[in-house]
Amino acid sequence: MGRTDVVVVIGVGGMGQAIARRQGPGRTLVLADFDEKLLTAVAEESRGQGHTVVTHTVDVSARAPVAALAEAAVELGPVVQVAHTAGLSPVQASGKAVLAVDLLGTALVLEEFGRVIAPGGAGVVISSMAGHMLPGALAPETERALAHTPADDLLALPFLDPDTLSAQEAYPLSKYANRLRVQAASTSWGERGARVNSISPGVVSTPMGRQELAGGSGRTMRAMVEASGTGRLGTPEDIAAAAAFLLGPDASFVTGTDLLVDGGVVAAVRSGRLTRGD
């Protein structure tokens, strides 16, 4: 196999698959996920669509597997794009697991791929509109800790106690922290001539999104969609289009920022059209 440019997609759920389809042509596509059965199925489908695919099973909540993934990717060729989509939602896991995957996992990916990203390359992290909807402002020292604490020490922060934070509390806090981590990481990525940004999707029709809609918060989520400016669920392709912009040359002056792709839900909340108690 020649050393073509490499695109890494971590998490092969609905959004990850859509990003892989859009960014993969003409490149070596490295697909990574914790679910080996899903990973194998997605890889086979991608190869059938003409993509060159290499797979890696990875647990993003531990440094060693993330580091091994980064090293394996760079051995294939220049890592020009990284899309980190892996995550757990509140209906899927405990607060402890959400913190480990959504918060620590993102921090580890930013650190490890920040060491191997090619000059001119770019990364994108999938966060969530939930990070824009924290019930109250965080203290400046809390924000600094979330942004700059080394990943290996992150879960030892006293306000991230997994025994006291529920999944419903851990999820928006983790997603808010993702934006802070991306902002902080943009300087170290910039030293390599690379960029990194995040995307905060709204309610998107993926298996995870549909699971949330079927859960206890489903009625509230549907009310949010109905009150939004677009009045519809997002699609994986909506997120892939946003990722393509942030990963591509048209965004060469965009780094360390978050793109809210929520169909207007947060705007509806902030304008008063919808209250979170509705």
C-alpha atoms as a PDB file:
ATOM      1  CA  MET A   1       0.000   0.000   0.000  1.00  0.00           C
ATOM      2  CA  GLY A   2       1.411   3.391  -0.987  1.00  0.00           C
ATOM      3  CA  ARG A   3       1.765   6.231   1.460  1.00  0.00           C
ATOM      4  CA  THR A   4      -1.294   8.207   0.437  1.00  0.00           C
ATOM      5  CA  ASP A   5      -2.793  10.874   2.663  1.00  0.00           C
ATOM      6  CA  VAL A   6      -4.563   9.431   5.682  1.00  0.00           C
ATOM      7  CA  VAL A   7      -7.965  10.373   7.106  1.00  0.00           C
ATOM      8  CA  VAL A   8      -8.744   9.036  10.571  1.00  0.00           C
ATOM      9  CA  VAL A   9     -12.358   8.687  11.726  1.00  0.00           C
ATOM     10  CA  ILE A  10     -12.770   7.680  15.368  1.00  0.00           C
ATOM     11  CA  GLY A  11     -16.273   6.408  16.071  1.00  0.00           C
ATOM     12  CA  VAL A  12     -18.165   4.805  13.187  1.00  0.00           C
ATOM     13  CA  GLY A  13     -21.740   5.577  14.182  1.00  0.00           C
ATOM     14  CA  GLY A  14     -24.006   7.567  11.897  1.00  0.00           C
ATOM     15  CA  MET A  15     -21.950  10.772  11.913  1.00  0.00           C
ATOM     16  CA  GLY A  16     -18.641   8.956  11.606  1.00  0.00           C
ATOM     17  CA  GLN A  17     -19.870   6.956   8.630  1.00  0.00           C
ATOM     18  CA  ALA A  18     -21.138  10.072   6.861  1.00  0.00           C
ATOM     19  CA  ILE A  19     -17.838  11.890   7.426  1.00  0.00           C
ATOM     20  CA  ALA A  20     -15.872   8.859   6.225  1.00  0.00           C
ATOM     21  CA  ARG A  21     -17.904   8.642   3.016  1.00  0.00           C
ATOM     22  CA  ARG A  22     -17.331  12.317   2.312  1.00  0.00           C
ATOM     23  CA  GLN A  23     -13.662  12.601   3.248  1.00  0.00           C
ATOM     24  CA  GLY A  24     -12.388   9.158   2.242  1.00  0.00           C
ATOM     25  CA  PRO A  25     -12.112   9.162  -1.569  1.00  0.00           C
ATOM     26  CA  GLY A  26      -8.535   9.107  -2.800  1.00  0.00           C
ATOM     27  CA  ARG A  27      -7.129   8.700   0.709  1.00  0.00           C
ATOM     28  CA  THR A  28      -6.381   5.892   3.112  1.00  0.00           C
ATOM     29  CA  LEU A  29      -9.310   5.780   5.490  1.00  0.00           C
ATOM     30  CA  VAL A  30      -8.495   4.657   9.023  1.00  0.00           C
ATOM     31  CA  LEU A  31     -11.676   3.699  10.857  1.00  0.00           C
ATOM     32  CA  ALA A  32     -11.561   3.177  14.615  1.00  0.00           C
ATOM     33  CA  ASP A  33     -14.210   2.172  17.137  1.00  0.00           C
ATOM     34  CA  PHE A  34     -14.666   0.290  20.401  1.00  0.00           C
ATOM     35  CA  ASP A  35     -17.381  -1.928  18.870  1.00  0.00           C
ATOM     36  CA  GLU A  36     -15.453  -4.441  16.794  1.00  0.00           C
ATOM     37  CA  LYS A  37     -18.559  -5.936  15.166  1.00  0.00           C
ATOM     38  CA  LEU A  38     -19.822  -2.538  14.019  1.00  0.00           C
ATOM     39  CA  LEU A  39     -16.338  -1.546  12.890  1.00  0.00           C
ATOM     40  CA  THR A  40     -16.013  -4.660  10.720  1.00  0.00           C
ATOM     41  CA  ALA A  41     -19.419  -4.120   9.129  1.00  0.00           C
ATOM     42  CA  VAL A  42     -18.777  -0.446   8.359  1.00  0.00           C
ATOM     43  CA  ALA A  43     -15.335  -1.225   6.949  1.00  0.00           C
ATOM     44  CA  GLU A  44     -16.734  -3.890   4.641  1.00  0.00           C
ATOM     45  CA  GLU A  45     -19.402  -1.500   3.400  1.00  0.00           C
ATOM     46  CA  SER A  46     -16.824   1.250   2.867  1.00  0.00           C
ATOM     47  CA  ARG A  47     -14.549  -1.059   0.908  1.00  0.00           C
ATOM     48  CA  GLY A  48     -17.531  -2.037  -1.220  1.00  0.00           C
ATOM     49  CA  GLN A  49     -17.995   1.651  -2.004  1.00  0.00           C
ATOM     50  CA  GLY A  50     -14.392   1.829  -3.275  1.00  0.00           C
ATOM     51  CA  HIS A  51     -12.606   3.214  -0.223  1.00  0.00           C
ATOM     52  CA  THR A  52      -9.186   2.058   0.927  1.00  0.00           C
ATOM     53  CA  VAL A  53      -9.819   1.136   4.556  1.00  0.00           C
ATOM     54  CA  VAL A  54      -7.709   0.136   7.541  1.00  0.00           C
ATOM     55  CA  THR A  55      -9.444  -0.638  10.850  1.00  0.00           C
ATOM     56  CA  HIS A  56      -8.352  -0.348  14.474  1.00  0.00           C
ATOM     57  CA  THR A  57     -10.269  -1.248  17.610  1.00  0.00           C
ATOM     58  CA  VAL A  58      -9.763   1.532  20.135  1.00  0.00           C
ATOM     59  CA  ASP A  59     -10.890   2.463  23.622  1.00  0.00           C
ATOM     60  CA  VAL A  60     -10.623   6.251  23.661  1.00  0.00           C
ATOM     61  CA  SER A  61     -10.857   6.397  27.453  1.00  0.00           C
ATOM     62  CA  ALA A  62      -7.272   5.080  27.811  1.00  0.00           C
ATOM     63  CA  ARG A  63      -4.106   6.737  26.536  1.00  0.00           C
ATOM     64  CA  ALA A  64      -2.270   3.639  25.301  1.00  0.00           C
ATOM     65  CA  PRO A  65      -4.878   2.590  22.710  1.00  0.00           C
ATOM     66  CA  VAL A  66      -5.273   6.183  21.454  1.00  0.00           C
ATOM     67  CA  ALA A  67      -1.487   6.580  21.163  1.00  0.00           C
ATOM     68  CA  ALA A  68      -1.255   3.243  19.331  1.00  0.00           C
ATOM     69  CA  LEU A  69      -3.950   4.371  16.911  1.00  0.00           C
ATOM     70  CA  ALA A  70      -2.124   7.631  16.189  1.00  0.00           C
ATOM     71  CA  GLU A  71       1.169   5.815  15.598  1.00  0.00           C
ATOM     72  CA  ALA A  72      -0.457   3.214  13.351  1.00  0.00           C
ATOM     73  CA  ALA A  73      -2.132   5.949  11.305  1.00  0.00           C
ATOM     74  CA  VAL A  74       1.034   7.950  10.729  1.00  0.00           C
ATOM     75  CA  GLU A  75       2.865   4.812   9.614  1.00  0.00           C
ATOM     76  CA  LEU A  76       0.427   4.597   6.689  1.00  0.00           C
ATOM     77  CA  GLY A  77       1.124   8.111   5.462  1.00  0.00           C
ATOM     78  CA  PRO A  78       0.652  11.781   6.352  1.00  0.00           C
ATOM     79  CA  VAL A  79      -2.333  12.158   8.694  1.00  0.00           C
ATOM     80  CA  VAL A  80      -4.086  15.082   7.031  1.00  0.00           C
ATOM     81  CA  GLN A  81      -7.514  14.860   8.673  1.00  0.00           C
ATOM     82  CA  VAL A  82      -8.848  13.533  11.983  1.00  0.00           C
ATOM     83  CA  ALA A  83     -12.548  13.350  12.859  1.00  0.00           C
ATOM     84  CA  HIS A  84     -13.304  12.329  16.426  1.00  0.00           C
ATOM     85  CA  THR A  85     -16.970  11.339  16.719  1.00  0.00           C
ATOM     86  CA  ALA A  86     -16.898   8.708  19.490  1.00  0.00           C
ATOM     87  CA  GLY A  87     -19.126   9.409  22.467  1.00  0.00           C
ATOM     88  CA  LEU A  88     -21.765   8.170  24.865  1.00  0.00           C
ATOM     89  CA  SER A  89     -25.116   9.815  25.533  1.00  0.00           C
ATOM     90  CA  PRO A  90     -26.906   9.984  28.911  1.00  0.00           C
ATOM     91  CA  VAL A  91     -29.295   7.155  28.013  1.00  0.00           C
ATOM     92  CA  GLN A  92     -26.409   4.876  27.138  1.00  0.00           C
ATOM     93  CA  ALA A  93     -24.131   5.090  30.135  1.00  0.00           C
ATOM     94  CA  SER A  94     -23.419   6.239  33.682  1.00  0.00           C
ATOM     95  CA  GLY A  95     -21.921   9.590  34.561  1.00  0.00           C
ATOM     96  CA  LYS A  96     -18.571   7.875  35.131  1.00  0.00           C
ATOM     97  CA  ALA A  97     -18.576   6.323  31.655  1.00  0.00           C
ATOM     98  CA  VAL A  98     -19.671   9.589  30.012  1.00  0.00           C
ATOM     99  CA  LEU A  99     -16.775  11.425  31.660  1.00  0.00           C
ATOM    100  CA  ALA A 100     -14.328   8.715  30.602  1.00  0.00           C
ATOM    101  CA  VAL A 101     -15.384   8.621  26.946  1.00  0.00           C
ATOM    102  CA  ASP A 102     -16.768  12.066  26.149  1.00  0.00           C
ATOM    103  CA  LEU A 103     -14.377  14.163  28.241  1.00  0.00           C
ATOM    104  CA  LEU A 104     -11.172  12.180  28.773  1.00  0.00           C
ATOM    105  CA  GLY A 105     -11.444  10.495  25.376  1.00  0.00           C
ATOM    106  CA  THR A 106     -11.560  13.816  23.565  1.00  0.00           C
ATOM    107  CA  ALA A 107      -8.630  15.164  25.580  1.00  0.00           C
ATOM    108  CA  LEU A 108      -6.532  12.100  24.742  1.00  0.00           C
ATOM    109  CA  VAL A 109      -7.357  12.283  21.026  1.00  0.00           C
ATOM    110  CA  LEU A 110      -6.422  15.969  20.929  1.00  0.00           C
ATOM    111  CA  GLU A 111      -3.100  15.282  22.654  1.00  0.00           C
ATOM    112  CA  GLU A 112      -2.064  12.162  20.765  1.00  0.00           C
ATOM    113  CA  PHE A 113      -3.114  13.278  17.293  1.00  0.00           C
ATOM    114  CA  GLY A 114      -1.690  16.726  17.987  1.00  0.00           C
ATOM    115  CA  ARG A 115       1.688  14.961  17.962  1.00  0.00           C
ATOM    116  CA  VAL A 116       1.247  13.346  14.534  1.00  0.00           C
ATOM    117  CA  ILE A 117      -1.066  15.602  12.498  1.00  0.00           C
ATOM    118  CA  ALA A 118       0.601  16.629   9.250  1.00  0.00           C
ATOM    119  CA  PRO A 119       1.462  20.258   8.480  1.00  0.00           C
ATOM    120  CA  GLY A 120      -1.560  21.723   6.741  1.00  0.00           C
ATOM    121  CA  GLY A 121      -3.767  19.091   8.324  1.00  0.00           C
ATOM    122  CA  ALA A 122      -6.938  19.578  10.326  1.00  0.00           C
ATOM    123  CA  GLY A 123      -9.023  17.922  12.991  1.00  0.00           C
ATOM    124  CA  VAL A 124     -12.630  18.114  14.069  1.00  0.00           C
ATOM    125  CA  VAL A 125     -14.209  16.950  17.324  1.00  0.00           C
ATOM    126  CA  ILE A 126     -17.916  16.202  17.598  1.00  0.00           C
ATOM    127  CA  SER A 127     -19.266  17.917  20.702  1.00  0.00           C
ATOM    128  CA  SER A 128     -22.967  18.712  21.271  1.00  0.00           C
ATOM    129  CA  MET A 129     -25.434  21.566  21.554  1.00  0.00           C
ATOM    130  CA  ALA A 130     -25.807  20.371  25.155  1.00  0.00           C
ATOM    131  CA  GLY A 131     -22.515  22.091  25.839  1.00  0.00           C
ATOM    132  CA  HIS A 132     -24.158  25.401  24.897  1.00  0.00           C
ATOM    133  CA  MET A 133     -26.987  24.848  27.368  1.00  0.00           C
ATOM    134  CA  LEU A 134     -25.344  24.512  30.775  1.00  0.00           C
ATOM    135  CA  PRO A 135     -27.742  25.722  33.470  1.00  0.00           C
ATOM    136  CA  GLY A 136     -25.212  28.215  34.854  1.00  0.00           C
ATOM    137  CA  ALA A 137     -21.869  29.822  34.102  1.00  0.00           C
ATOM    138  CA  LEU A 138     -18.723  28.060  35.249  1.00  0.00           C
ATOM    139  CA  ALA A 139     -16.185  29.843  37.416  1.00  0.00           C
ATOM    140  CA  PRO A 140     -13.091  31.054  35.509  1.00  0.00           C
ATOM    141  CA  GLU A 141     -10.828  28.715  37.473  1.00  0.00           C
ATOM    142  CA  THR A 142     -13.081  25.775  36.565  1.00  0.00           C
ATOM    143  CA  GLU A 143     -12.891  26.679  32.886  1.00  0.00           C
ATOM    144  CA  ARG A 144      -9.102  26.960  33.076  1.00  0.00           C
ATOM    145  CA  ALA A 145      -8.878  23.557  34.719  1.00  0.00           C
ATOM    146  CA  LEU A 146     -11.107  21.945  32.096  1.00  0.00           C
ATOM    147  CA  ALA A 147      -9.121  23.561  29.276  1.00  0.00           C
ATOM    148  CA  HIS A 148      -5.552  23.029  30.442  1.00  0.00           C
ATOM    149  CA  THR A 149      -5.316  20.147  32.922  1.00  0.00           C
ATOM    150  CA  PRO A 150      -3.231  17.359  31.344  1.00  0.00           C
ATOM    151  CA  ALA A 151      -5.501  14.588  30.152  1.00  0.00           C
ATOM    152  CA  ASP A 152      -4.073  12.017  32.560  1.00  0.00           C
ATOM    153  CA  ASP A 153      -5.063  14.239  35.503  1.00  0.00           C
ATOM    154  CA  LEU A 154      -8.398  15.429  34.142  1.00  0.00           C
ATOM    155  CA  LEU A 155     -10.727  13.016  35.912  1.00  0.00           C
ATOM    156  CA  ALA A 156      -9.043  13.746  39.244  1.00  0.00           C
ATOM    157  CA  LEU A 157     -10.457  17.283  39.269  1.00  0.00           C
ATOM    158  CA  PRO A 158     -12.682  17.504  42.354  1.00  0.00           C
ATOM    159  CA  PHE A 159     -15.718  18.868  40.508  1.00  0.00           C
ATOM    160  CA  LEU A 160     -15.667  15.857  38.171  1.00  0.00           C
ATOM    161  CA  ASP A 161     -16.410  13.291  40.876  1.00  0.00           C
ATOM    162  CA  PRO A 162     -18.001  10.348  39.010  1.00  0.00           C
ATOM    163  CA  ASP A 163     -19.743   9.248  42.193  1.00  0.00           C
ATOM    164  CA  THR A 164     -21.762  12.463  42.415  1.00  0.00           C
ATOM    165  CA  LEU A 165     -22.285  13.491  38.777  1.00  0.00           C
ATOM    166  CA  SER A 166     -25.188  11.833  36.986  1.00  0.00           C
ATOM    167  CA  ALA A 167     -25.013  11.115  33.276  1.00  0.00           C
ATOM    168  CA  GLN A 168     -27.427  14.018  32.672  1.00  0.00           C
ATOM    169  CA  GLU A 169     -24.963  16.334  34.459  1.00  0.00           C
ATOM    170  CA  ALA A 170     -21.759  14.808  33.109  1.00  0.00           C
ATOM    171  CA  TYR A 171     -22.814  14.975  29.450  1.00  0.00           C
ATOM    172  CA  PRO A 172     -23.316  18.745  28.979  1.00  0.00           C
ATOM    173  CA  LEU A 173     -20.302  19.485  31.173  1.00  0.00           C
ATOM    174  CA  SER A 174     -18.140  17.153  29.082  1.00  0.00           C
ATOM    175  CA  LYS A 175     -19.371  18.705  25.850  1.00  0.00           C
ATOM    176  CA  TYR A 176     -18.728  22.212  27.159  1.00  0.00           C
ATOM    177  CA  ALA A 177     -15.238  21.097  28.127  1.00  0.00           C
ATOM    178  CA  ASN A 178     -14.674  19.683  24.631  1.00  0.00           C
ATOM    179  CA  ARG A 179     -14.934  23.198  23.245  1.00  0.00           C
ATOM    180  CA  LEU A 180     -12.488  24.510  25.841  1.00  0.00           C
ATOM    181  CA  ARG A 181     -10.027  21.680  25.103  1.00  0.00           C
ATOM    182  CA  VAL A 182     -10.218  22.335  21.361  1.00  0.00           C
ATOM    183  CA  GLN A 183      -9.610  26.028  21.890  1.00  0.00           C
ATOM    184  CA  ALA A 184      -6.564  25.290  24.042  1.00  0.00           C
ATOM    185  CA  ALA A 185      -5.253  22.597  21.677  1.00  0.00           C
ATOM    186  CA  SER A 186      -5.435  24.897  18.672  1.00  0.00           C
ATOM    187  CA  THR A 187      -2.161  26.552  19.695  1.00  0.00           C
ATOM    188  CA  SER A 188      -0.161  23.310  19.902  1.00  0.00           C
ATOM    189  CA  TRP A 189      -1.738  22.044  16.693  1.00  0.00           C
ATOM    190  CA  GLY A 190      -0.892  25.403  15.153  1.00  0.00           C
ATOM    191  CA  GLU A 191       2.761  24.883  15.996  1.00  0.00           C
ATOM    192  CA  ARG A 192       2.627  21.941  13.578  1.00  0.00           C
ATOM    193  CA  GLY A 193       0.871  24.061  10.961  1.00  0.00           C
ATOM    194  CA  ALA A 194      -2.454  22.321  11.594  1.00  0.00           C
ATOM    195  CA  ARG A 195      -5.926  23.379  12.696  1.00  0.00           C
ATOM    196  CA  VAL A 196      -8.536  21.886  15.014  1.00  0.00           C
ATOM    197  CA  ASN A 197     -12.170  22.808  15.642  1.00  0.00           C
ATOM    198  CA  SER A 198     -15.318  21.307  17.108  1.00  0.00           C
ATOM    199  CA  ILE A 199     -18.879  20.843  15.891  1.00  0.00           C
ATOM    200  CA  SER A 200     -21.861  20.950  18.254  1.00  0.00           C
ATOM    201  CA  PRO A 201     -24.688  19.001  16.610  1.00  0.00           C
ATOM    202  CA  GLY A 202     -28.289  19.331  17.657  1.00  0.00           C
ATOM    203  CA  VAL A 203     -30.801  16.474  17.539  1.00  0.00           C
ATOM    204  CA  VAL A 204     -29.510  14.294  14.705  1.00  0.00           C
ATOM    205  CA  SER A 205     -31.212  11.183  13.349  1.00  0.00           C
ATOM    206  CA  THR A 206     -28.519   8.647  14.164  1.00  0.00           C
ATOM    207  CA  PRO A 207     -28.938   5.451  16.207  1.00  0.00           C
ATOM    208  CA  MET A 208     -27.726   7.382  19.273  1.00  0.00           C
ATOM    209  CA  GLY A 209     -30.039  10.304  18.528  1.00  0.00           C
ATOM    210  CA  ARG A 210     -33.042   8.041  18.083  1.00  0.00           C
ATOM    211  CA  GLN A 211     -32.201   6.299  21.354  1.00  0.00           C
ATOM    212  CA  GLU A 212     -32.245   9.679  23.096  1.00  0.00           C
ATOM    213  CA  LEU A 213     -35.576  10.561  21.457  1.00  0.00           C
ATOM    214  CA  ALA A 214     -37.030   7.325  22.800  1.00  0.00           C
ATOM    215  CA  GLY A 215     -35.731   8.043  26.304  1.00  0.00           C
ATOM    216  CA  GLY A 216     -36.972  10.181  29.161  1.00  0.00           C
ATOM    217  CA  SER A 217     -35.876  13.444  27.548  1.00  0.00           C
ATOM    218  CA  GLY A 218     -37.490  12.629  24.201  1.00  0.00           C
ATOM    219  CA  ARG A 219     -40.521  14.900  24.653  1.00  0.00           C
ATOM    220  CA  THR A 220     -38.312  17.873  25.481  1.00  0.00           C
ATOM    221  CA  MET A 221     -36.053  17.161  22.526  1.00  0.00           C
ATOM    222  CA  ARG A 222     -39.012  17.018  20.138  1.00  0.00           C
ATOM    223  CA  ALA A 223     -40.261  20.341  21.511  1.00  0.00           C
ATOM    224  CA  MET A 224     -36.839  21.805  20.837  1.00  0.00           C
ATOM    225  CA  VAL A 225     -36.904  20.617  17.238  1.00  0.00           C
ATOM    226  CA  GLU A 226     -40.422  21.969  16.692  1.00  0.00           C
ATOM    227  CA  ALA A 227     -39.445  25.383  18.094  1.00  0.00           C
ATOM    228  CA  SER A 228     -36.225  25.635  16.089  1.00  0.00           C
ATOM    229  CA  GLY A 229     -35.787  27.743  12.990  1.00  0.00           C
ATOM    230  CA  THR A 230     -35.525  24.706  10.719  1.00  0.00           C
ATOM    231  CA  GLY A 231     -38.159  22.598  12.479  1.00  0.00           C
ATOM    232  CA  ARG A 232     -36.516  19.302  11.591  1.00  0.00           C
ATOM    233  CA  LEU A 233     -34.084  16.689  12.842  1.00  0.00           C
ATOM    234  CA  GLY A 234     -30.544  16.911  11.592  1.00  0.00           C
ATOM    235  CA  THR A 235     -29.060  14.224   9.370  1.00  0.00           C
ATOM    236  CA  PRO A 236     -25.591  12.685   9.496  1.00  0.00           C
ATOM    237  CA  GLU A 237     -24.967  14.358   6.152  1.00  0.00           C
ATOM    238  CA  ASP A 238     -25.616  17.774   7.717  1.00  0.00           C
ATOM    239  CA  ILE A 239     -22.793  17.111  10.156  1.00  0.00           C
ATOM    240  CA  ALA A 240     -20.525  15.670   7.470  1.00  0.00           C
ATOM    241  CA  ALA A 241     -20.987  18.834   5.404  1.00  0.00           C
ATOM    242  CA  ALA A 242     -19.965  20.973   8.370  1.00  0.00           C
ATOM    243  CA  ALA A 243     -16.971  18.722   8.997  1.00  0.00           C
ATOM    244  CA  ALA A 244     -15.945  18.925   5.338  1.00  0.00           C
ATOM    245  CA  PHE A 245     -15.857  22.719   5.599  1.00  0.00           C
ATOM    246  CA  LEU A 246     -13.818  22.743   8.802  1.00  0.00           C
ATOM    247  CA  LEU A 247     -11.422  20.075   7.532  1.00  0.00           C
ATOM    248  CA  GLY A 248     -10.999  21.639   4.106  1.00  0.00           C
ATOM    249  CA  PRO A 249      -9.104  24.543   2.551  1.00  0.00           C
ATOM    250  CA  ASP A 250     -12.020  26.980   2.753  1.00  0.00           C
ATOM    251  CA  ALA A 251     -11.564  27.001   6.539  1.00  0.00           C
ATOM    252  CA  SER A 252      -7.819  27.687   6.466  1.00  0.00           C
ATOM    253  CA  PHE A 253      -8.302  30.714   8.771  1.00  0.00           C
ATOM    254  CA  VAL A 254     -10.618  28.888  11.202  1.00  0.00           C
ATOM    255  CA  THR A 255      -9.170  27.129  14.237  1.00  0.00           C
ATOM    256  CA  GLY A 256      -9.934  26.762  17.924  1.00  0.00           C
ATOM    257  CA  THR A 257     -13.627  27.430  17.500  1.00  0.00           C
ATOM    258  CA  ASP A 258     -16.966  25.609  17.658  1.00  0.00           C
ATOM    259  CA  LEU A 259     -19.570  25.399  14.900  1.00  0.00           C
ATOM    260  CA  LEU A 260     -23.103  25.001  16.272  1.00  0.00           C
ATOM    261  CA  VAL A 261     -25.052  22.820  13.813  1.00  0.00           C
ATOM    262  CA  ASP A 262     -28.349  22.415  15.639  1.00  0.00           C
ATOM    263  CA  GLY A 263     -31.029  23.666  13.257  1.00  0.00           C
ATOM    264  CA  GLY A 264     -31.569  26.696  15.464  1.00  0.00           C
ATOM    265  CA  VAL A 265     -32.456  24.990  18.769  1.00  0.00           C
ATOM    266  CA  VAL A 266     -30.058  26.997  20.935  1.00  0.00           C
ATOM    267  CA  ALA A 267     -31.181  30.186  19.210  1.00  0.00           C
ATOM    268  CA  ALA A 268     -34.805  29.309  20.044  1.00  0.00           C
ATOM    269  CA  VAL A 269     -33.901  28.818  23.704  1.00  0.00           C
ATOM    270  CA  ARG A 270     -31.898  32.018  23.922  1.00  0.00           C
ATOM    271  CA  SER A 271     -34.540  34.074  22.129  1.00  0.00           C
ATOM    272  CA  GLY A 272     -37.171  32.949  24.631  1.00  0.00           C
ATOM    273  CA  ARG A 273     -39.231  31.092  22.038  1.00  0.00           C
ATOM    274  CA  LEU A 274     -38.562  27.893  23.924  1.00  0.00           C
ATOM    275  CA  THR A 275     -37.743  27.391  27.586  1.00  0.00           C
ATOM    276  CA  ARG A 276     -35.963  24.282  28.776  1.00  0.00           C
ATOM    277  CA  GLY A 277     -38.968  23.472  30.939  1.00  0.00           C
ATOM    278  CA  ASP A 278     -41.261  23.218  27.886  1.00  0.00           C
END
